[in-house]
Each structure stands twice: as C-alpha cells, then as structure tokens.
Amino acid sequence: MDSPQSPAEPSSNEAVERDSTTDTAPGLPSPVSGADRAPLFDVIVVGCGPTGAMLAAELRLHDVRVLVLEKETEPASFVRIVGLHIRSIELMAMRGLLDRILERGRKRPAGGFFAAIDKPVPRGLDSAHAYLLGIPQPVVVGLLEDHAVRLGARVRHGGAVTGVEQDDEGVTVELAGGELLRSRYLVGCDGARSTVRKLLGVGFPGEPSRNETLMGEVEVGVPQEEVAAKAAEIHATDKSFSLHPFGDKVYRVVVSVPGVGDRAEPPTLDDFRRRLRTIAGTDFGVHSPRWLSRFGDATRLAERYRVGRVLLAGDAAHIHPPIGGQGLNLGVQDAVNLGWKLAAHVRGWAPEKLLDTYEAERHPVAADVLDNTRAQTELLSAGPGPQAVRGLLTELMDFDEVNRYLIEKITATGIRYDFGEAPDLVGRRLPDIAVEHGRLYDLLHGGRGLLLDRTGRLAVGGWSDRVDHLADPTADLDVPCVLLRPDGHVAWVGDDQRDLDHHLSRWFGEPAT
C-alpha cells in the first residue's frame, strides 16, 4: 500500500490542551477587532457534543486549524446511556477509536430497535460490528474530545456565541462579553436550540412537542419478580412504558407524560414517582437515581444546512424523538460526511460543488429518520388503529428481509447516497472486509480516500496526496476495484483507468502536478 500521510501535528504556535476559561488562553491567537482582518482559524465549530468533537477531529486529520467553542464550562451533570448503532461503530473503527470505546461500553444484540418490537437479530447483517454498544454519553463526548485535542484541535469551554457575521472571505464570531474571533468557515453543532441556526435565520419547520417522556436510571425497592410482572402487564397496553434491569441493582425507566412541561427544569425523582403511581398504581420504591431526564416529541428539520460559509450539523439541523436511539448517531455521521469535504475546501483541492453534496446527501437521510420516528411513535400509540398496524408489522418482521430492512434503516447501514446512474454498490458504505494483512477499516484511520485494486493495473497518480492505493487481489470484493471516499462510501467501481481518473477528479479535484 502506498504510504499514507500521517495526521498533521499542530504547528508550533497552536496549543493542543483544552481551555476552560472565557479569556484568550496561551497559544490561542488574539481576538480580532473586526471583520476586516484575515481569518485566524480555518474553521470554528460551535458546540462540543459528539457531533462537534467528531467534526473537529475529522478536520484535524487534514491539518485544518480548528477552534471548538463550547458554551458550557462543565460536562453534563447527568449520565445518560446512549446506544451506538452499527454504522457509528464502523466509523469509530475507521478512525482507530473502537478499542477505546469498547472498553467503556457494553455490547447488546442489534435487534428489537424498531418501535420496540421484540424480534431477534436478522440473519446476514453485512457488518463485522453487528451489535449495539451501550455507553454513557459523557464518555462518548470525552473520548471524541480527547481524540480531537490529540490531533491538534483547540477546545474552549465557556465560549458562548452571541453573534455571527460573514463576508466573502470569512466569518466573524462574537462571544458573550464582546470578544470577536475570525475564521474562514463556521459550523453550528450547538444542539436543538442552536444559536447559530437562529442567527442565520434558517427555518426549522416541523411539529412541536405534544407529549413528554421521563427517562432515567434508578434503583427499586421491590423484588425483581414483582417489577417484571407489573412492567409486562403495563407494556401489554402501553408500548411506550419500560422498566427493566440495566446493570447491578439498576433499572432503566421510561414513562410517558401527557402535555409539555418546563423543559428548562430537570425532572425530579418525585416526578417519576407520581407518574409511576398514576400508570402502575405503585412507584416501585424507586430511589438512588443515577440520572434523570425528560424529552419531548418535537420533530423538526432545518430548511438548509448551509448559508454561505456557515453550516449546520447534528441536532442544530434536525431533532426527533429518541425512539430507536438514532439522534447521536445521525450527528456523528453528519460530521464524518462533512469533515473531509470542508477540509478539501480549506486546503484548496475541492471540486467546485463538493461542499454542496453535504446537504444533498445528509438532508434526505435526516428526513428519512424523522419519518421513521414518526412511524414508530404511531406504532407505540394505544389506539386500536395503531395497535392493529403494529400487530401486522410484528408478523411481517418474522420475514428476515423485512426485519433486516428495518434494522438497516435504524442503524444507517442501508444508506445509499445518490451519485447518479451507477452500479448499486456506488453510494453505499463498504463493510469492514478482509484485505491483505488485516481489515479494510485499518487503512482509513487517516481520513483519506482509498483505491482498493484487485487487478494491480490501476494507479492514483497525481491524487496520491489525497488518495491511498492498495493493490490486493485477495480483497473480499465482488468487483474488480473500488474507490472509497474518506467517509467509507463507494465513489466508483470498475477497472478502467480513464474512468477512474474521471471519478478521482469528481471527488478529489484536479491532480497535483
């Protein structure tokens, strides 16, 4: 394999440690006085959740100068368990992060996701990582932030954005207190109530919250058999209810609440007790909560993902109920799709319309997730109509093809981006197949493109600074050669050098001379 470029180390005037103050830290360039100054950063990322941290790391793989602004000074006070689905686990493997994440999570079967219909894992899931990984969200955020910092990103906590202005050369960001910063691009990864989205004036149409759900992890004061019997009785008529073991002495509780309360106020244990007594006739003696949270069922999608030099990703671009556990995964996948494209523009080799493909590819994916969560919400309703449909779908899911289709939808392994007329493999992600001396994803840690060549006759030529080449006749492929984008999606299949050169230009710009 041609030698890949290693991820660039930060230059001598770039600090790699975190900054937890709102003042300019050592190593951080001084703030600009106005929009007439040249950008000091290539990209400013607003928000250091999973999406923002992953995006910062992806940009640093290409030596892009990145500042991440996080308005919070401390991590979240509650520890919510989230699930990494198959595609997100694959992305962690592609960037060499999987071992660290597996150490902190718990594997679970990759089944029973869709509308909580309990079906076994379908046969033939096309992935070397066909499982769900339960892991505390702060652990995910911490691991991804550490990854970004190691690569040279600067993370600044306590940096609340209050203003954004852009011109032909860059973006000026105003922080609380009046400090100004300057960058070539800005990405809002600042959540459902995104300040960046609001400042851009981007519409966020959809449905507002009509109901809330309380979710948490608690200990109970009654025998396990009593809990199991009562929970099964309730779940028979209320599919949204759940109270089941989640570790030693701990139970995960999910209970719906009609109407919408004050989302700014976190729920209390008494809120859970009252709602449990209403639904179950008992509060099960719940005590010693690990974490408690509430969420609504709002469903919204940004009208645009890009306005000039400012882009949106993660919950800033889309929100939906957490049915199926797709939210965090959707944001991380946004970041991996956007990172290499934005880096290509910063580094000067991007084809003209490359950055536009971010919205063209990811907006339909988010729309599909919103629709499948709407469908799941209906299937969890207690009315006779939704329950009749649920019963029919439950029967249909006994067919492996139906079960697999829905699992691939939830886990994002069934996505096929529209690259125009092409073989079916083009636009899809390539699984972690066996290659000479290892696995495919081990070759993608640097975030570069890859030509996987079973013929040994092709070359990447002037694109070798952006695309690696592995001539491997043993690769587990049904086609002669594939060209992979840095996000692991297939950009081309074939065996003709001229056709390959055309697609290298399409995705990776003009060759170096």
Protein backbone atom coordinates (compact mmCIF):
# COMPACT_ATOMS: atom_id res chain seq x y z
CA MET A 1 0.00 0.00 0.00
CA ASP A 2 1.25 3.48 -0.80
CA SER A 3 2.26 5.25 2.41
CA PRO A 4 -0.48 7.50 3.77
CA GLN A 5 0.27 10.91 5.11
CA SER A 6 0.11 10.84 8.90
CA PRO A 7 -2.35 13.22 10.59
CA ALA A 8 -0.68 16.57 10.80
CA GLU A 9 0.76 17.65 14.11
CA PRO A 10 -0.26 21.08 15.35
CA SER A 11 2.14 23.80 14.38
CA SER A 12 4.38 25.39 16.98
CA ASN A 13 2.01 28.25 17.74
CA GLU A 14 -1.05 26.00 18.21
CA ALA A 15 -1.88 24.74 21.68
CA VAL A 16 -3.44 21.31 21.98
CA GLU A 17 -4.65 21.46 25.57
CA ARG A 18 -8.20 22.43 26.47
CA ASP A 19 -9.03 25.97 27.53
CA SER A 20 -11.70 26.11 30.22
CA THR A 21 -11.87 29.89 30.54
CA THR A 22 -13.57 32.57 28.52
CA ASP A 23 -10.37 34.59 28.26
CA THR A 24 -7.88 34.15 25.46
CA ALA A 25 -5.62 31.30 26.56
CA PRO A 26 -1.90 30.87 25.95
CA GLY A 27 -1.40 29.58 22.44
CA LEU A 28 -4.76 30.92 21.23
CA PRO A 29 -4.42 33.75 18.69
CA SER A 30 -5.55 37.13 19.91
CA PRO A 31 -9.12 38.09 19.01
CA VAL A 32 -9.63 40.30 16.00
CA SER A 33 -11.06 43.76 16.23
CA GLY A 34 -13.42 43.42 13.28
CA ALA A 35 -14.34 41.66 10.07
CA ASP A 36 -11.61 43.34 8.04
CA ARG A 37 -8.87 41.09 9.44
CA ALA A 38 -7.70 37.85 7.81
CA PRO A 39 -9.14 34.69 9.39
CA LEU A 40 -7.14 33.35 12.31
CA PHE A 41 -8.77 29.94 12.16
CA ASP A 42 -9.79 27.85 9.22
CA VAL A 43 -12.94 26.56 10.93
CA ILE A 44 -14.73 27.44 14.14
CA VAL A 45 -17.05 24.70 15.41
CA VAL A 46 -19.76 25.84 17.81
CA GLY A 47 -20.65 23.09 20.26
CA CYS A 48 -18.51 20.28 21.66
CA GLY A 49 -21.02 17.47 21.86
CA PRO A 50 -20.46 14.26 19.88
CA THR A 51 -21.07 15.98 16.54
CA GLY A 52 -18.80 18.96 17.16
CA ALA A 53 -15.98 16.91 18.66
CA MET A 54 -16.10 14.36 15.83
CA LEU A 55 -16.10 17.13 13.22
CA ALA A 56 -13.11 18.85 14.82
CA ALA A 57 -11.15 15.58 14.73
CA GLU A 58 -12.08 14.94 11.09
CA LEU A 59 -10.86 18.41 10.13
CA ARG A 60 -7.60 17.99 12.02
CA LEU A 61 -6.84 14.83 10.04
CA HIS A 62 -6.33 17.24 7.15
CA ASP A 63 -4.29 19.85 9.06
CA VAL A 64 -7.19 22.32 9.27
CA ARG A 65 -6.82 24.91 12.05
CA VAL A 66 -9.86 24.29 14.27
CA LEU A 67 -11.30 26.06 17.30
CA VAL A 68 -14.25 24.47 19.10
CA LEU A 69 -16.39 26.80 21.20
CA GLU A 70 -18.49 25.16 23.91
CA LYS A 71 -20.73 27.45 25.97
CA GLU A 72 -20.84 25.09 28.98
CA THR A 73 -17.94 25.19 31.40
CA GLU A 74 -18.59 21.75 32.90
CA PRO A 75 -19.79 18.39 31.50
CA ALA A 76 -23.46 17.49 31.84
CA SER A 77 -24.46 16.64 35.41
CA PHE A 78 -26.43 13.55 34.40
CA VAL A 79 -25.03 10.38 32.88
CA ARG A 80 -27.40 9.17 30.18
CA ILE A 81 -26.71 5.87 28.47
CA VAL A 82 -26.85 6.10 24.68
CA GLY A 83 -26.55 3.44 22.02
CA LEU A 84 -24.01 3.47 19.22
CA HIS A 85 -25.54 1.71 16.23
CA ILE A 86 -23.68 -0.35 13.65
CA ARG A 87 -22.71 2.45 11.27
CA SER A 88 -21.40 4.68 14.05
CA ILE A 89 -19.41 1.75 15.46
CA GLU A 90 -17.97 1.24 11.98
CA LEU A 91 -16.96 4.91 11.84
CA MET A 92 -15.18 4.55 15.17
CA ALA A 93 -13.29 1.56 13.72
CA MET A 94 -12.44 3.58 10.60
CA ARG A 95 -10.73 6.21 12.75
CA GLY A 96 -8.95 3.84 15.12
CA LEU A 97 -11.19 4.70 18.09
CA LEU A 98 -13.14 1.49 18.52
CA ASP A 99 -10.93 -0.26 21.06
CA ARG A 100 -11.06 2.75 23.41
CA ILE A 101 -14.84 2.98 23.09
CA LEU A 102 -15.42 -0.76 23.54
CA GLU A 103 -13.54 -0.60 26.85
CA ARG A 104 -16.19 1.80 28.21
CA GLY A 105 -19.35 0.33 26.70
CA ARG A 106 -21.48 -2.81 26.76
CA LYS A 107 -22.38 -4.81 23.67
CA ARG A 108 -26.02 -5.71 23.13
CA PRO A 109 -27.82 -7.56 20.32
CA ALA A 110 -28.63 -5.48 17.24
CA GLY A 111 -32.35 -6.28 17.36
CA GLY A 112 -35.61 -5.00 18.81
CA PHE A 113 -34.97 -1.38 17.79
CA PHE A 114 -37.93 -0.60 15.57
CA ALA A 115 -40.85 0.62 17.69
CA ALA A 116 -39.57 -1.69 20.46
CA ILE A 117 -40.92 -4.70 18.57
CA ASP A 118 -39.01 -7.59 20.10
CA LYS A 119 -37.51 -9.58 17.26
CA PRO A 120 -34.19 -11.42 17.09
CA VAL A 121 -31.24 -10.12 15.10
CA PRO A 122 -31.88 -10.97 11.44
CA ARG A 123 -29.50 -13.34 9.70
CA GLY A 124 -26.89 -11.95 7.37
CA LEU A 125 -26.33 -8.43 8.68
CA ASP A 126 -23.47 -7.22 6.48
CA SER A 127 -21.11 -5.87 9.11
CA ALA A 128 -18.16 -7.03 11.19
CA HIS A 129 -19.68 -4.93 14.01
CA ALA A 130 -23.29 -6.13 14.10
CA TYR A 131 -24.18 -5.11 17.64
CA LEU A 132 -25.44 -2.17 19.68
CA LEU A 133 -22.98 -0.57 22.07
CA GLY A 134 -24.50 0.97 25.20
CA ILE A 135 -22.24 3.66 26.61
CA PRO A 136 -22.64 6.77 28.82
CA GLN A 137 -22.97 9.87 26.65
CA PRO A 138 -20.37 11.87 28.63
CA VAL A 139 -17.90 9.05 27.94
CA VAL A 140 -18.54 9.31 24.20
CA VAL A 141 -18.14 13.09 24.31
CA GLY A 142 -14.97 12.84 26.39
CA LEU A 143 -13.37 10.24 24.13
CA LEU A 144 -14.15 12.21 20.97
CA GLU A 145 -12.98 15.49 22.50
CA ASP A 146 -9.73 13.85 23.63
CA HIS A 147 -9.30 12.47 20.10
CA ALA A 148 -9.76 15.93 18.59
CA VAL A 149 -7.36 17.53 21.06
CA ARG A 150 -4.69 14.90 20.43
CA LEU A 151 -4.92 15.71 16.74
CA GLY A 152 -4.40 19.41 17.46
CA ALA A 153 -7.88 20.91 17.78
CA ARG A 154 -8.38 23.68 20.31
CA VAL A 155 -11.43 23.30 22.57
CA ARG A 156 -12.55 26.36 24.50
CA HIS A 157 -15.17 25.86 27.21
CA GLY A 158 -17.26 28.77 28.44
CA GLY A 159 -17.32 30.34 24.98
CA ALA A 160 -20.93 31.31 24.34
CA VAL A 161 -21.62 32.66 20.83
CA THR A 162 -23.88 35.71 20.62
CA GLY A 163 -23.29 36.98 17.09
CA VAL A 164 -22.27 35.75 13.63
CA GLU A 165 -21.47 37.83 10.55
CA GLN A 166 -19.97 36.60 7.30
CA ASP A 167 -18.46 38.16 4.21
CA ASP A 168 -16.72 36.93 1.07
CA GLU A 169 -13.55 35.99 2.94
CA GLY A 170 -14.72 34.56 6.24
CA VAL A 171 -16.92 34.65 9.33
CA THR A 172 -16.72 36.88 12.40
CA VAL A 173 -17.99 35.34 15.64
CA GLU A 174 -18.90 37.43 18.66
CA LEU A 175 -18.76 35.87 22.11
CA ALA A 176 -20.57 36.89 25.27
CA GLY A 177 -18.59 39.83 26.60
CA GLY A 178 -17.90 41.24 23.14
CA GLU A 179 -14.80 39.30 22.11
CA LEU A 180 -14.52 38.74 18.35
CA LEU A 181 -12.98 35.76 16.59
CA ARG A 182 -12.44 35.19 12.89
CA SER A 183 -12.47 32.05 10.72
CA ARG A 184 -12.89 31.03 7.11
CA TYR A 185 -15.88 28.78 7.92
CA LEU A 186 -18.21 28.21 10.84
CA VAL A 187 -20.20 25.08 11.69
CA GLY A 188 -23.07 25.14 14.18
CA CYS A 189 -23.16 21.90 16.15
CA ASP A 190 -24.85 23.61 19.08
CA GLY A 191 -27.94 21.49 19.57
CA ALA A 192 -31.68 21.71 19.15
CA ARG A 193 -31.85 25.31 20.36
CA SER A 194 -28.95 26.26 18.09
CA THR A 195 -27.85 29.88 18.41
CA VAL A 196 -26.05 29.62 15.07
CA ARG A 197 -29.19 28.43 13.27
CA LYS A 198 -31.26 31.23 14.78
CA LEU A 199 -28.68 33.87 13.91
CA LEU A 200 -28.64 32.60 10.32
CA GLY A 201 -32.43 32.84 10.15
CA VAL A 202 -32.70 29.26 8.85
CA GLY A 203 -36.22 27.89 9.17
CA PHE A 204 -36.77 24.86 11.39
CA PRO A 205 -40.18 23.55 10.34
CA GLY A 206 -41.87 20.50 11.79
CA GLU A 207 -44.10 19.52 14.68
CA PRO A 208 -43.75 20.92 18.20
CA SER A 209 -43.75 18.70 21.27
CA ARG A 210 -47.17 17.41 22.27
CA ASN A 211 -46.08 15.00 24.99
CA GLU A 212 -43.07 14.32 27.14
CA THR A 213 -41.24 11.22 28.27
CA LEU A 214 -39.39 10.79 31.53
CA MET A 215 -36.33 8.59 31.31
CA GLY A 216 -33.79 7.66 33.92
CA GLU A 217 -31.85 5.01 35.77
CA VAL A 218 -32.87 4.24 39.33
CA GLU A 219 -32.80 1.53 41.94
CA VAL A 220 -36.08 -0.08 43.05
CA GLY A 221 -37.35 -1.16 46.45
CA VAL A 222 -39.41 -4.22 45.49
CA PRO A 223 -38.42 -7.72 44.35
CA GLN A 224 -37.36 -8.18 40.73
CA GLU A 225 -40.17 -10.66 40.09
CA GLU A 226 -42.78 -8.11 41.14
CA VAL A 227 -41.24 -5.44 38.91
CA ALA A 228 -41.10 -7.79 35.91
CA ALA A 229 -44.72 -8.93 36.30
CA LYS A 230 -46.13 -5.42 36.65
CA ALA A 231 -43.99 -3.99 33.86
CA ALA A 232 -45.13 -6.76 31.49
CA GLU A 233 -48.77 -6.09 32.41
CA ILE A 234 -48.46 -2.38 31.64
CA HIS A 235 -46.41 -2.89 28.48
CA ALA A 236 -49.15 -5.08 27.03
CA THR A 237 -51.32 -1.96 26.56
CA ASP A 238 -48.75 0.86 26.76
CA LYS A 239 -45.82 0.12 24.45
CA SER A 240 -44.03 3.31 25.45
CA PHE A 241 -43.63 2.11 29.06
CA SER A 242 -40.45 0.35 30.10
CA LEU A 243 -38.95 -0.67 33.40
CA HIS A 244 -36.23 -3.26 33.06
CA PRO A 245 -32.88 -4.15 34.65
CA PHE A 246 -29.87 -2.22 33.41
CA GLY A 247 -26.92 -3.41 35.39
CA ASP A 248 -26.41 -4.36 39.00
CA LYS A 249 -29.47 -3.26 41.06
CA VAL A 250 -30.23 -0.54 38.49
CA TYR A 251 -33.36 -0.25 36.35
CA ARG A 252 -33.94 1.86 33.25
CA VAL A 253 -37.36 3.54 33.47
CA VAL A 254 -39.21 5.14 30.55
CA VAL A 255 -42.65 6.58 31.22
CA SER A 256 -44.77 8.96 29.12
CA VAL A 257 -46.36 12.14 30.41
CA PRO A 258 -49.25 13.86 28.59
CA GLY A 259 -48.66 17.52 27.75
CA VAL A 260 -45.48 19.57 27.84
CA GLY A 261 -43.84 20.91 30.98
CA ASP A 262 -40.92 23.25 31.58
CA ARG A 263 -38.08 21.64 29.61
CA ALA A 264 -35.61 24.03 31.22
CA GLU A 265 -36.18 22.35 34.59
CA PRO A 266 -34.75 18.85 35.04
CA PRO A 267 -37.21 16.26 36.39
CA THR A 268 -37.08 15.13 39.99
CA LEU A 269 -37.42 11.68 41.49
CA ASP A 270 -40.83 12.76 42.81
CA ASP A 271 -41.92 13.44 39.21
CA PHE A 272 -41.10 9.82 38.38
CA ARG A 273 -42.82 8.51 41.49
CA ARG A 274 -46.04 10.41 40.75
CA ARG A 275 -46.18 9.25 37.14
CA LEU A 276 -45.40 5.64 38.05
CA ARG A 277 -48.18 5.63 40.63
CA THR A 278 -50.60 7.00 38.03
CA ILE A 279 -49.74 4.35 35.45
CA ALA A 280 -48.81 1.34 37.59
CA GLY A 281 -50.52 2.00 40.90
CA THR A 282 -47.11 1.86 42.57
CA ASP A 283 -43.84 3.74 42.36
CA PHE A 284 -41.86 0.50 42.86
CA GLY A 285 -39.97 2.20 45.69
CA VAL A 286 -37.65 3.93 43.21
CA HIS A 287 -34.65 5.60 44.82
CA SER A 288 -30.96 6.45 44.29
CA PRO A 289 -31.21 7.79 40.73
CA ARG A 290 -28.10 7.66 38.57
CA TRP A 291 -29.56 10.16 36.14
CA LEU A 292 -32.99 11.59 35.28
CA SER A 293 -34.03 13.41 32.14
CA ARG A 294 -37.03 14.45 30.13
CA PHE A 295 -37.54 14.88 26.42
CA GLY A 296 -40.33 15.98 24.14
CA ASP A 297 -41.52 14.54 20.85
CA ALA A 298 -40.79 17.56 18.66
CA THR A 299 -39.78 16.68 15.11
CA ARG A 300 -38.04 19.36 13.04
CA LEU A 301 -35.64 19.61 10.10
CA ALA A 302 -33.65 22.68 9.06
CA GLU A 303 -34.64 24.05 5.68
CA ARG A 304 -30.99 24.44 4.74
CA TYR A 305 -27.72 23.03 6.04
CA ARG A 306 -25.57 25.76 4.55
CA VAL A 307 -25.73 29.54 4.23
CA GLY A 308 -22.55 30.79 2.57
CA ARG A 309 -19.63 30.00 4.85
CA VAL A 310 -21.79 28.78 7.74
CA LEU A 311 -23.08 25.22 8.03
CA LEU A 312 -25.24 23.21 10.43
CA ALA A 313 -24.82 19.65 11.70
CA GLY A 314 -26.27 17.34 14.34
CA ASP A 315 -29.23 18.47 16.45
CA ALA A 316 -28.77 22.01 15.15
CA ALA A 317 -30.03 20.66 11.82
CA HIS A 318 -32.57 18.04 12.92
CA ILE A 319 -34.43 16.88 16.02
CA HIS A 320 -36.81 13.99 16.64
CA PRO A 321 -37.97 11.74 19.48
CA PRO A 322 -35.27 9.32 20.62
CA ILE A 323 -37.24 6.25 19.52
CA GLY A 324 -34.74 3.83 18.05
CA GLY A 325 -31.81 5.76 19.51
CA GLN A 326 -30.80 7.44 16.25
CA GLY A 327 -30.06 11.04 17.26
CA LEU A 328 -26.45 10.92 18.41
CA ASN A 329 -25.62 8.51 15.60
CA LEU A 330 -27.12 10.81 12.98
CA GLY A 331 -25.00 13.72 14.21
CA VAL A 332 -21.73 11.77 14.26
CA GLN A 333 -22.45 10.57 10.72
CA ASP A 334 -23.12 14.19 9.65
CA ALA A 335 -19.68 15.09 10.99
CA VAL A 336 -17.85 12.36 9.08
CA ASN A 337 -19.66 13.26 5.86
CA LEU A 338 -18.90 16.97 6.23
CA GLY A 339 -15.37 16.88 7.66
CA TRP A 340 -13.34 15.81 4.64
CA LYS A 341 -15.39 17.98 2.26
CA LEU A 342 -14.92 21.13 4.32
CA ALA A 343 -11.23 20.29 4.75
CA ALA A 344 -10.90 19.94 0.98
CA HIS A 345 -12.21 23.49 0.53
CA VAL A 346 -9.88 24.83 3.19
CA ARG A 347 -6.89 23.02 1.68
CA GLY A 348 -7.75 24.24 -1.81
CA TRP A 349 -8.26 20.97 -3.72
CA ALA A 350 -12.05 20.59 -3.53
CA PRO A 351 -14.08 20.27 -6.73
CA GLU A 352 -16.41 23.23 -7.20
CA LYS A 353 -19.62 21.63 -5.88
CA LEU A 354 -18.13 19.24 -3.30
CA LEU A 355 -19.34 21.15 -0.24
CA ASP A 356 -22.88 21.28 -1.65
CA THR A 357 -23.00 17.48 -1.56
CA TYR A 358 -23.08 17.61 2.25
CA GLU A 359 -26.63 18.94 2.30
CA ALA A 360 -27.62 16.97 -0.80
CA GLU A 361 -26.62 13.71 0.89
CA ARG A 362 -27.41 14.29 4.55
CA HIS A 363 -30.67 16.26 4.38
CA PRO A 364 -32.59 13.31 2.83
CA VAL A 365 -31.08 10.94 5.42
CA ALA A 366 -32.35 13.15 8.26
CA ALA A 367 -35.76 13.43 6.59
CA ASP A 368 -35.95 9.64 6.48
CA VAL A 369 -35.00 9.37 10.17
CA LEU A 370 -37.71 11.88 11.08
CA ASP A 371 -40.26 9.87 9.12
CA ASN A 372 -39.28 6.56 10.69
CA THR A 373 -39.51 8.08 14.18
CA ARG A 374 -42.98 9.44 13.30
CA ALA A 375 -43.98 5.95 12.21
CA GLN A 376 -42.57 4.38 15.38
CA THR A 377 -44.38 6.94 17.52
CA GLU A 378 -47.68 5.92 15.94
CA LEU A 379 -46.88 2.25 16.46
CA LEU A 380 -46.38 2.93 20.18
CA SER A 381 -49.81 4.59 20.47
CA ALA A 382 -52.50 2.74 22.43
CA GLY A 383 -55.35 3.33 19.95
CA PRO A 384 -56.90 0.34 18.15
CA GLY A 385 -55.77 1.52 14.70
CA PRO A 386 -52.06 1.89 15.54
CA GLN A 387 -52.14 -1.35 17.51
CA ALA A 388 -53.65 -3.20 14.55
CA VAL A 389 -50.86 -1.90 12.31
CA ARG A 390 -48.31 -2.84 14.97
CA GLY A 391 -49.67 -6.37 15.08
CA LEU A 392 -49.44 -6.71 11.32
CA LEU A 393 -45.87 -5.33 11.23
CA THR A 394 -44.89 -7.67 14.05
CA GLU A 395 -45.98 -10.58 11.87
CA LEU A 396 -44.18 -9.20 8.81
CA MET A 397 -40.94 -8.87 10.79
CA ASP A 398 -40.84 -12.65 11.06
CA PHE A 399 -39.60 -12.46 7.46
CA ASP A 400 -35.83 -11.92 7.59
CA GLU A 401 -35.98 -9.48 4.65
CA VAL A 402 -38.42 -7.18 6.49
CA ASN A 403 -36.57 -7.41 9.79
CA ARG A 404 -33.23 -6.73 8.10
CA TYR A 405 -34.61 -3.78 6.14
CA LEU A 406 -35.85 -2.07 9.30
CA ILE A 407 -32.63 -2.80 11.21
CA GLU A 408 -30.56 -1.37 8.34
CA LYS A 409 -32.77 1.73 8.37
CA ILE A 410 -32.30 2.32 12.10
CA THR A 411 -28.57 1.53 12.10
CA ALA A 412 -27.85 3.58 8.92
CA THR A 413 -26.18 0.64 7.17
CA GLY A 414 -28.76 0.71 4.38
CA ILE A 415 -27.98 4.28 3.24
CA ARG A 416 -27.18 4.74 -0.43
CA TYR A 417 -26.27 8.28 -1.48
CA ASP A 418 -27.46 9.29 -4.93
CA PHE A 419 -24.35 9.68 -7.11
CA GLY A 420 -26.29 9.37 -10.35
CA GLU A 421 -26.63 6.33 -12.58
CA ALA A 422 -24.18 3.72 -11.32
CA PRO A 423 -23.97 0.13 -10.05
CA ASP A 424 -25.87 -0.50 -6.82
CA LEU A 425 -22.71 -0.60 -4.70
CA VAL A 426 -21.86 3.01 -5.61
CA GLY A 427 -23.08 5.40 -2.91
CA ARG A 428 -23.20 2.69 -0.25
CA ARG A 429 -20.78 2.21 2.60
CA LEU A 430 -18.31 -0.65 2.23
CA PRO A 431 -18.24 -3.01 5.24
CA ASP A 432 -15.02 -3.78 7.10
CA ILE A 433 -13.92 -6.51 4.70
CA ALA A 434 -10.80 -8.62 4.93
CA VAL A 435 -7.82 -7.30 2.97
CA GLU A 436 -4.21 -8.33 2.74
CA HIS A 437 -2.66 -8.37 6.22
CA GLY A 438 -5.76 -7.11 8.04
CA ARG A 439 -9.09 -5.32 7.76
CA LEU A 440 -10.22 -2.53 5.45
CA TYR A 441 -11.04 -0.01 8.17
CA ASP A 442 -7.48 -0.14 9.49
CA LEU A 443 -6.48 1.58 6.24
CA LEU A 444 -8.87 4.51 6.76
CA HIS A 445 -7.58 5.91 10.04
CA GLY A 446 -6.07 8.94 8.32
CA GLY A 447 -9.32 10.11 6.74
CA ARG A 448 -8.04 9.82 3.16
CA GLY A 449 -9.58 8.27 0.08
CA LEU A 450 -8.62 4.73 -0.88
CA LEU A 451 -8.39 2.84 -4.17
CA LEU A 452 -8.82 -0.86 -3.43
CA ASP A 453 -7.47 -2.52 -6.55
CA ARG A 454 -7.83 -6.26 -7.15
CA THR A 455 -6.33 -6.00 -10.67
CA GLY A 456 -3.00 -4.41 -9.76
CA ARG A 457 -3.21 -2.40 -13.01
CA LEU A 458 -4.60 0.94 -11.79
CA ALA A 459 -2.96 3.96 -10.18
CA VAL A 460 -4.00 7.13 -8.31
CA GLY A 461 -1.22 9.19 -9.94
CA GLY A 462 -1.49 12.89 -9.14
CA TRP A 463 -4.07 12.25 -6.42
CA SER A 464 -1.64 10.31 -4.22
CA ASP A 465 -1.52 13.22 -1.76
CA ARG A 466 -5.25 12.66 -1.08
CA VAL A 467 -5.91 9.02 -2.01
CA ASP A 468 -4.11 5.85 -0.94
CA HIS A 469 -3.77 2.79 -3.20
CA LEU A 470 -3.86 -0.85 -2.14
CA ALA A 471 -3.26 -3.44 -4.85
CA ASP A 472 -4.72 -6.59 -3.31
CA PRO A 473 -6.02 -9.46 -5.44
CA THR A 474 -7.26 -11.20 -2.28
CA ALA A 475 -9.61 -8.40 -1.16
CA ASP A 476 -13.09 -9.71 -0.34
CA LEU A 477 -14.87 -7.89 -3.19
CA ASP A 478 -17.30 -8.89 -5.92
CA VAL A 479 -15.99 -6.15 -8.27
CA PRO A 480 -12.50 -5.54 -9.72
CA CYS A 481 -11.78 -2.25 -7.94
CA VAL A 482 -13.49 0.30 -5.71
CA LEU A 483 -12.70 3.92 -4.97
CA LEU A 484 -13.65 4.85 -1.42
CA ARG A 485 -14.28 8.35 -0.14
CA PRO A 486 -12.83 9.25 3.28
CA ASP A 487 -16.25 8.56 4.86
CA GLY A 488 -16.12 4.95 3.65
CA HIS A 489 -18.75 5.28 0.91
CA VAL A 490 -18.05 3.83 -2.52
CA ALA A 491 -17.44 6.56 -5.12
CA TRP A 492 -16.70 4.28 -8.09
CA VAL A 493 -16.38 0.64 -9.16
CA GLY A 494 -14.71 -0.68 -12.30
CA ASP A 495 -11.35 -1.50 -13.89
CA ASP A 496 -10.75 1.27 -16.44
CA GLN A 497 -8.05 3.85 -15.65
CA ARG A 498 -9.63 6.66 -17.67
CA ASP A 499 -12.99 6.17 -15.93
CA LEU A 500 -11.20 6.07 -12.59
CA ASP A 501 -9.40 9.35 -13.33
CA HIS A 502 -12.76 10.98 -14.11
CA HIS A 503 -14.16 9.96 -10.73
CA LEU A 504 -10.98 10.90 -8.90
CA SER A 505 -11.43 14.40 -10.34
CA ARG A 506 -15.11 14.41 -9.40
CA TRP A 507 -14.45 13.71 -5.73
CA PHE A 508 -10.84 14.76 -5.14
CA GLY A 509 -10.31 17.69 -7.51
CA GLU A 510 -7.54 18.20 -10.01
CA PRO A 511 -4.40 16.07 -9.74
CA ALA A 512 -1.23 17.57 -8.37
CA THR A 513 1.37 18.47 -10.96
